[in-house]
Amino acid sequence: MAVTTTKSPRAKSSETPDVPRTMRAAAIERFGGPEVLRIHELPVPHLNHDEVLIRLHTSGVGSWDAEMRAGWWPQGEPQFPLVLGTDGAGTVVAKGAHVRRFREGDGVYSYSFANPKGGFYAEYVVVAAEKVAPTPAGLTLDKAGAIPTTGLTAIQGIDDVLKIKREETLIIHGASGGVGTLAIQFAKLREARVLAVASGADGVALARKLGADIAIDGRTGDIAVASHKFAPEGVDAVLGLSGGAPLERSIVALKSGGRVAYPNGVEPAPERRPGIHMTGYDAVAGIREFAHLGIAIESVKLQVPIAVAFSLDDAAKAHERLAKGHVLGKIVLRCQ
């Protein structure tokens, strides 16, 4: 497999003359550590009738990407070289014959887990049109590219699973991460009271800035004391975005009949308890789901904390940074 680290003139596609036949992508040829991520020159994926070709501006970097790089794959056998990345934002440069929702030049963002035609760590990506949406008003491509996965996970946890209502009390555990920083804002949009369990003094400060009524450091703070002060008769709901003993202490603070939601993949998964409704869930991407997310983003005037941005060439460094932990908000790649 040819490997390149420089941009060079490329032949244009006969089907889409404004698009090159090849693209630069951060891909792996085998599973392993961050060092297996390298820049490859790969064909721009072929466009089918129900798909959209996006020239990517920004792609998100998530823990699930690192799990895939290290050897976990959701189903079947991956084909190498494997381009990582589940989400991003950019500009529509071509669309299939059956696609009516977009025009060339539209700014869009997208989430497609284990995308069949390759991931988002690339200059171009082809995605099923139903998993693509116009970028919400007020979001740049920088910000929009950071949040398709985390935004859908946050809003679906708040609205679809927990069904948070006005004046309910909610603990968001893992509140300073990519999902948590958005979940705080969506919960406040629903006029809930939020206790944010964050990471570090800087994470606590960020959670407060984003609207949390109370924020504590999950590593050093006393969750039991804070939650009792927050809701003396018990908390209504918990959104668990990271696992372990601190999450269990948050769940103990629930009133009888309380609800817990956690994305599948949170490890260890929370223990089941009598009288507590627990639901693991996966973020779903679709036309209706993106419309729901877009309305929430525009209503709350969403703030999108970006911890650090790396170039596509530095995808391995992005994974090294991810492995160090304590990421406030989201890590992203600039794809062009």
Protein backbone atom coordinates (compact mmCIF):
# COMPACT_ATOMS: atom_id res chain seq x y z
CA MET A 1 0.00 0.00 0.00
CA ALA A 2 1.41 3.33 -1.03
CA VAL A 3 1.76 5.84 1.76
CA THR A 4 2.03 9.58 1.33
CA THR A 5 2.39 12.56 3.59
CA THR A 6 2.25 15.26 0.92
CA LYS A 7 -0.49 16.67 -1.26
CA SER A 8 0.05 16.20 -4.99
CA PRO A 9 -1.99 16.80 -8.16
CA ARG A 10 -4.53 14.05 -8.78
CA ALA A 11 -6.60 12.87 -11.70
CA LYS A 12 -10.25 13.90 -11.62
CA SER A 13 -13.15 11.46 -11.52
CA SER A 14 -15.07 11.07 -14.77
CA GLU A 15 -18.35 10.81 -12.79
CA THR A 16 -17.73 13.91 -10.63
CA PRO A 17 -15.18 16.08 -12.45
CA ASP A 18 -14.65 18.43 -9.48
CA VAL A 19 -13.58 15.52 -7.27
CA PRO A 20 -10.20 13.74 -7.49
CA ARG A 21 -10.08 10.00 -7.99
CA THR A 22 -8.00 9.56 -4.87
CA MET A 23 -7.92 11.12 -1.43
CA ARG A 24 -5.75 11.26 1.65
CA ALA A 25 -7.09 9.28 4.59
CA ALA A 26 -5.85 8.23 8.03
CA ALA A 27 -6.21 4.46 7.89
CA ILE A 28 -4.86 1.29 9.49
CA GLU A 29 -3.57 -1.86 7.83
CA ARG A 30 -3.71 -3.85 11.06
CA PHE A 31 -5.04 -3.44 14.56
CA GLY A 32 -2.76 -1.95 17.18
CA GLY A 33 -1.79 1.21 19.04
CA PRO A 34 -1.98 4.80 17.78
CA GLU A 35 1.16 4.23 15.70
CA VAL A 36 -0.77 2.04 13.21
CA LEU A 37 -2.70 5.11 12.02
CA ARG A 38 -0.95 6.39 8.90
CA ILE A 39 -1.79 8.58 5.92
CA HIS A 40 -2.77 6.56 2.84
CA GLU A 41 -3.69 7.57 -0.68
CA LEU A 42 -6.99 5.76 -1.32
CA PRO A 43 -9.71 5.87 -3.97
CA VAL A 44 -12.56 8.29 -3.31
CA PRO A 45 -15.50 5.94 -2.59
CA HIS A 46 -18.00 5.28 -5.38
CA LEU A 47 -21.35 7.05 -5.03
CA ASN A 48 -24.60 5.06 -5.21
CA HIS A 49 -28.07 6.40 -5.93
CA ASP A 50 -29.07 6.92 -2.28
CA GLU A 51 -25.76 8.34 -1.00
CA VAL A 52 -24.02 11.69 -0.55
CA LEU A 53 -20.36 12.47 -1.20
CA ILE A 54 -19.01 14.95 1.34
CA ARG A 55 -15.76 16.90 1.19
CA LEU A 56 -14.88 16.79 4.86
CA HIS A 57 -13.78 19.79 6.84
CA THR A 58 -13.73 18.38 10.38
CA SER A 59 -14.16 14.90 11.84
CA GLY A 60 -14.67 13.85 15.43
CA VAL A 61 -12.29 11.64 17.40
CA GLY A 62 -13.94 9.39 19.98
CA SER A 63 -13.07 6.57 22.35
CA TRP A 64 -15.00 4.19 20.09
CA ASP A 65 -12.52 4.99 17.30
CA ALA A 66 -9.65 3.93 19.54
CA GLU A 67 -11.47 0.69 20.40
CA MET A 68 -11.85 -0.10 16.70
CA ARG A 69 -8.21 0.75 16.03
CA ALA A 70 -7.16 -1.59 18.82
CA GLY A 71 -9.15 -4.55 17.48
CA TRP A 72 -12.83 -4.26 18.32
CA TRP A 73 -15.17 -4.39 15.36
CA PRO A 74 -18.98 -4.37 15.68
CA GLN A 75 -19.77 -7.05 13.13
CA GLY A 76 -18.23 -9.06 10.33
CA GLU A 77 -14.63 -8.79 9.20
CA PRO A 78 -13.15 -5.34 8.55
CA GLN A 79 -11.39 -4.77 5.25
CA PHE A 80 -7.94 -3.20 5.38
CA PRO A 81 -6.82 -0.54 4.86
CA LEU A 82 -9.53 0.59 7.27
CA VAL A 83 -10.40 4.30 7.51
CA LEU A 84 -11.52 5.20 11.02
CA GLY A 85 -13.99 7.85 12.16
CA THR A 86 -17.76 7.81 12.75
CA ASP A 87 -18.75 11.43 12.23
CA GLY A 88 -17.86 14.79 10.76
CA ALA A 89 -18.97 17.82 8.80
CA GLY A 90 -18.21 19.27 5.41
CA THR A 91 -19.69 20.23 2.05
CA VAL A 92 -21.78 18.17 -0.35
CA VAL A 93 -19.86 17.77 -3.62
CA ALA A 94 -22.05 15.10 -5.26
CA LYS A 95 -25.22 13.15 -4.58
CA GLY A 96 -26.90 10.03 -5.87
CA ALA A 97 -29.72 10.16 -8.39
CA HIS A 98 -32.39 9.42 -5.77
CA VAL A 99 -31.24 12.09 -3.28
CA ARG A 100 -33.49 15.17 -3.20
CA ARG A 101 -32.72 16.67 0.20
CA PHE A 102 -29.35 18.25 -0.63
CA ARG A 103 -27.66 20.34 -3.27
CA GLU A 104 -23.98 20.57 -4.13
CA GLY A 105 -22.35 23.16 -1.88
CA ASP A 106 -24.62 22.50 1.13
CA GLY A 107 -22.93 22.42 4.52
CA VAL A 108 -23.79 19.14 6.26
CA TYR A 109 -22.87 16.98 9.22
CA SER A 110 -23.17 13.22 9.52
CA TYR A 111 -22.93 10.20 11.81
CA SER A 112 -22.51 6.70 10.41
CA PHE A 113 -21.12 4.09 12.77
CA ALA A 114 -18.73 1.65 11.03
CA ASN A 115 -19.63 3.37 7.77
CA PRO A 116 -19.69 0.74 4.98
CA LYS A 117 -17.64 2.83 2.56
CA GLY A 118 -15.00 3.99 5.01
CA GLY A 119 -14.80 6.36 7.93
CA PHE A 120 -14.47 10.12 8.36
CA TYR A 121 -10.69 10.40 8.92
CA ALA A 122 -10.36 11.40 5.28
CA GLU A 123 -10.70 14.21 2.77
CA TYR A 124 -13.93 12.68 1.42
CA VAL A 125 -16.60 10.31 2.71
CA VAL A 126 -19.64 8.67 1.12
CA VAL A 127 -22.61 8.24 3.47
CA ALA A 128 -26.23 7.10 3.12
CA ALA A 129 -28.28 10.28 2.67
CA GLU A 130 -30.56 9.45 5.62
CA LYS A 131 -27.55 9.75 7.93
CA VAL A 132 -26.68 13.25 6.73
CA ALA A 133 -28.29 16.54 7.79
CA PRO A 134 -27.83 20.26 7.11
CA THR A 135 -25.58 21.94 9.65
CA PRO A 136 -27.75 23.73 12.25
CA ALA A 137 -27.90 27.52 12.17
CA GLY A 138 -25.18 29.07 14.28
CA LEU A 139 -22.71 26.18 14.00
CA THR A 140 -19.55 26.42 11.91
CA LEU A 141 -18.25 23.30 10.18
CA ASP A 142 -15.56 23.18 12.90
CA LYS A 143 -18.18 22.83 15.60
CA ALA A 144 -20.66 20.75 13.61
CA GLY A 145 -17.99 18.18 12.79
CA ALA A 146 -17.34 17.59 16.48
CA ILE A 147 -20.86 16.65 17.51
CA PRO A 148 -22.94 14.30 15.34
CA THR A 149 -22.22 11.23 17.50
CA THR A 150 -22.11 13.05 20.82
CA GLY A 151 -25.05 15.30 20.01
CA LEU A 152 -27.34 12.44 19.05
CA THR A 153 -26.22 10.47 22.12
CA ALA A 154 -26.88 13.43 24.41
CA ILE A 155 -30.28 14.49 23.09
CA GLN A 156 -31.58 10.92 22.83
CA GLY A 157 -30.48 10.19 26.39
CA ILE A 158 -32.19 13.33 27.71
CA ASP A 159 -35.38 13.24 25.62
CA ASP A 160 -36.00 9.72 24.34
CA VAL A 161 -34.71 7.51 27.13
CA LEU A 162 -34.98 9.58 30.31
CA LYS A 163 -37.78 11.82 29.02
CA ILE A 164 -36.60 14.65 31.27
CA LYS A 165 -39.29 17.13 32.29
CA ARG A 166 -39.31 20.63 33.70
CA GLU A 167 -38.03 20.90 37.29
CA GLU A 168 -36.85 17.28 37.42
CA THR A 169 -33.48 16.63 39.05
CA LEU A 170 -30.78 15.00 36.94
CA ILE A 171 -27.23 13.86 37.65
CA ILE A 172 -25.02 13.84 34.56
CA HIS A 173 -22.05 11.62 35.29
CA GLY A 174 -19.12 12.29 32.94
CA ALA A 175 -20.36 15.83 32.42
CA SER A 176 -17.13 17.36 31.10
CA GLY A 177 -16.70 14.96 28.17
CA GLY A 178 -17.95 15.14 24.61
CA VAL A 179 -21.46 13.88 25.37
CA GLY A 180 -21.74 15.39 28.85
CA THR A 181 -20.99 18.96 27.84
CA LEU A 182 -23.87 18.82 25.35
CA ALA A 183 -26.20 16.91 27.69
CA ILE A 184 -25.93 19.67 30.32
CA GLN A 185 -27.19 22.20 27.80
CA PHE A 186 -30.01 19.99 26.49
CA ALA A 187 -31.15 19.22 30.05
CA LYS A 188 -31.24 22.92 30.88
CA LEU A 189 -33.20 23.50 27.66
CA ARG A 190 -35.82 21.17 29.16
CA GLU A 191 -35.65 23.27 32.36
CA ALA A 192 -34.29 20.44 34.50
CA ARG A 193 -32.05 20.98 37.51
CA VAL A 194 -28.62 19.50 36.83
CA LEU A 195 -25.92 18.13 39.12
CA ALA A 196 -22.84 17.64 36.96
CA VAL A 197 -20.20 15.11 38.01
CA ALA A 198 -17.14 16.22 36.05
CA SER A 199 -13.40 15.51 35.92
CA GLY A 200 -10.95 17.88 37.60
CA ALA A 201 -11.27 21.49 38.67
CA ASP A 202 -11.24 22.62 35.03
CA GLY A 203 -13.99 20.14 34.18
CA VAL A 204 -16.08 21.42 37.10
CA ALA A 205 -15.60 25.01 35.92
CA LEU A 206 -16.63 24.05 32.38
CA ALA A 207 -19.78 22.27 33.60
CA ARG A 208 -20.80 25.34 35.59
CA LYS A 209 -20.14 27.59 32.60
CA LEU A 210 -22.44 25.42 30.48
CA GLY A 211 -25.29 25.79 32.94
CA ALA A 212 -25.06 23.06 35.58
CA ASP A 213 -26.77 24.10 38.82
CA ILE A 214 -24.14 22.23 40.86
CA ALA A 215 -20.87 20.69 39.65
CA ILE A 216 -18.42 18.50 41.56
CA ASP A 217 -15.23 16.61 40.77
CA GLY A 218 -16.12 12.94 40.55
CA ARG A 219 -12.63 11.90 41.66
CA THR A 220 -12.42 13.98 44.83
CA GLY A 221 -15.92 15.26 45.60
CA ASP A 222 -18.45 13.55 47.87
CA ILE A 223 -21.26 12.58 45.50
CA ALA A 224 -23.52 11.39 48.33
CA VAL A 225 -23.33 14.71 50.18
CA ALA A 226 -23.69 16.78 47.01
CA SER A 227 -26.67 14.79 45.74
CA HIS A 228 -28.49 14.93 49.09
CA LYS A 229 -28.04 18.70 49.18
CA PHE A 230 -29.16 18.89 45.56
CA ALA A 231 -32.26 16.71 45.98
CA PRO A 232 -32.99 15.78 49.64
CA GLU A 233 -35.86 13.46 48.67
CA GLY A 234 -33.83 11.69 45.98
CA VAL A 235 -32.80 12.41 42.42
CA ASP A 236 -35.18 11.74 39.53
CA ALA A 237 -32.70 10.53 36.93
CA VAL A 238 -29.05 9.80 36.12
CA LEU A 239 -27.34 9.97 32.74
CA GLY A 240 -24.25 7.78 33.12
CA LEU A 241 -21.57 8.58 30.57
CA SER A 242 -18.67 6.88 32.35
CA GLY A 243 -18.72 3.76 34.49
CA GLY A 244 -17.27 2.63 37.79
CA ALA A 245 -17.72 3.33 41.48
CA PRO A 246 -18.51 7.06 41.14
CA LEU A 247 -21.40 6.26 38.79
CA GLU A 248 -22.71 3.69 41.29
CA ARG A 249 -22.66 6.37 43.98
CA SER A 250 -24.69 8.64 41.72
CA ILE A 251 -27.25 5.89 41.18
CA VAL A 252 -27.56 5.34 44.94
CA ALA A 253 -28.84 8.94 45.15
CA LEU A 254 -31.94 8.10 43.06
CA LYS A 255 -35.40 8.04 44.56
CA SER A 256 -37.49 4.88 44.24
CA GLY A 257 -38.69 4.64 40.65
CA GLY A 258 -35.78 6.74 39.42
CA ARG A 259 -34.38 6.32 35.93
CA VAL A 260 -30.87 5.62 34.64
CA ALA A 261 -29.75 5.92 31.02
CA TYR A 262 -26.30 5.01 29.79
CA PRO A 263 -24.85 4.58 26.30
CA ASN A 264 -24.00 0.98 25.48
CA GLY A 265 -20.25 0.65 25.77
CA VAL A 266 -19.96 2.40 29.14
CA GLU A 267 -17.75 0.09 31.18
CA PRO A 268 -18.39 -1.29 33.64
CA ALA A 269 -22.11 -1.11 32.95
CA PRO A 270 -24.06 0.00 36.03
CA GLU A 271 -25.45 -2.64 38.34
CA ARG A 272 -29.16 -3.36 38.25
CA ARG A 273 -31.10 -2.33 41.34
CA PRO A 274 -34.66 -3.06 42.49
CA GLY A 275 -37.01 -0.15 41.92
CA ILE A 276 -34.68 1.64 39.50
CA HIS A 277 -35.37 1.71 35.76
CA MET A 278 -32.12 1.22 33.84
CA THR A 279 -31.75 1.52 30.09
CA GLY A 280 -28.70 1.12 27.90
CA TYR A 281 -29.04 2.69 24.48
CA ASP A 282 -27.26 3.43 21.22
CA ALA A 283 -27.44 6.73 19.38
CA VAL A 284 -29.59 6.43 16.26
CA ALA A 285 -28.93 8.45 13.11
CA GLY A 286 -31.79 9.21 10.75
CA ILE A 287 -33.74 12.06 9.19
CA ARG A 288 -36.11 12.39 12.16
CA GLU A 289 -33.32 12.05 14.71
CA PHE A 290 -31.17 14.73 13.08
CA ALA A 291 -34.18 17.06 12.82
CA HIS A 292 -34.81 16.62 16.56
CA LEU A 293 -31.14 17.33 17.31
CA GLY A 294 -31.06 20.35 15.01
CA ILE A 295 -34.04 21.99 16.72
CA ALA A 296 -32.41 21.49 20.14
CA ILE A 297 -29.07 22.86 18.95
CA GLU A 298 -30.64 26.00 17.52
CA SER A 299 -32.93 26.49 20.53
CA VAL A 300 -30.14 26.31 23.10
CA LYS A 301 -27.55 28.15 20.94
CA LEU A 302 -25.26 25.22 21.62
CA GLN A 303 -21.73 25.72 22.89
CA VAL A 304 -19.34 23.05 21.57
CA PRO A 305 -16.14 22.75 23.63
CA ILE A 306 -13.25 21.48 21.50
CA ALA A 307 -10.36 20.23 23.61
CA VAL A 308 -7.81 20.22 20.79
CA ALA A 309 -7.75 20.07 16.99
CA PHE A 310 -5.19 18.01 15.05
CA SER A 311 -4.48 17.87 11.35
CA LEU A 312 -5.38 14.74 9.41
CA ASP A 313 -1.66 13.96 9.26
CA ASP A 314 -1.58 13.88 13.06
CA ALA A 315 -4.42 11.39 13.56
CA ALA A 316 -2.04 9.13 15.52
CA LYS A 317 -1.23 12.04 17.84
CA ALA A 318 -4.95 12.63 18.32
CA HIS A 319 -5.30 9.02 19.50
CA GLU A 320 -2.30 9.42 21.79
CA ARG A 321 -3.98 12.46 23.33
CA LEU A 322 -7.22 10.53 23.69
CA ALA A 323 -5.39 7.75 25.55
CA LYS A 324 -4.07 10.24 28.12
CA GLY A 325 -7.63 10.93 29.26
CA HIS A 326 -9.07 14.07 30.84
CA VAL A 327 -10.47 15.38 27.56
CA LEU A 328 -12.77 18.34 28.15
CA GLY A 329 -15.24 18.38 25.29
CA LYS A 330 -14.13 16.79 22.03
CA ILE A 331 -10.96 16.12 20.05
CA VAL A 332 -11.26 16.76 16.31
CA LEU A 333 -9.31 16.37 13.09
CA ARG A 334 -9.05 19.03 10.39
CA CYS A 335 -9.41 17.04 7.18
CA GLN A 336 -8.27 19.51 4.52
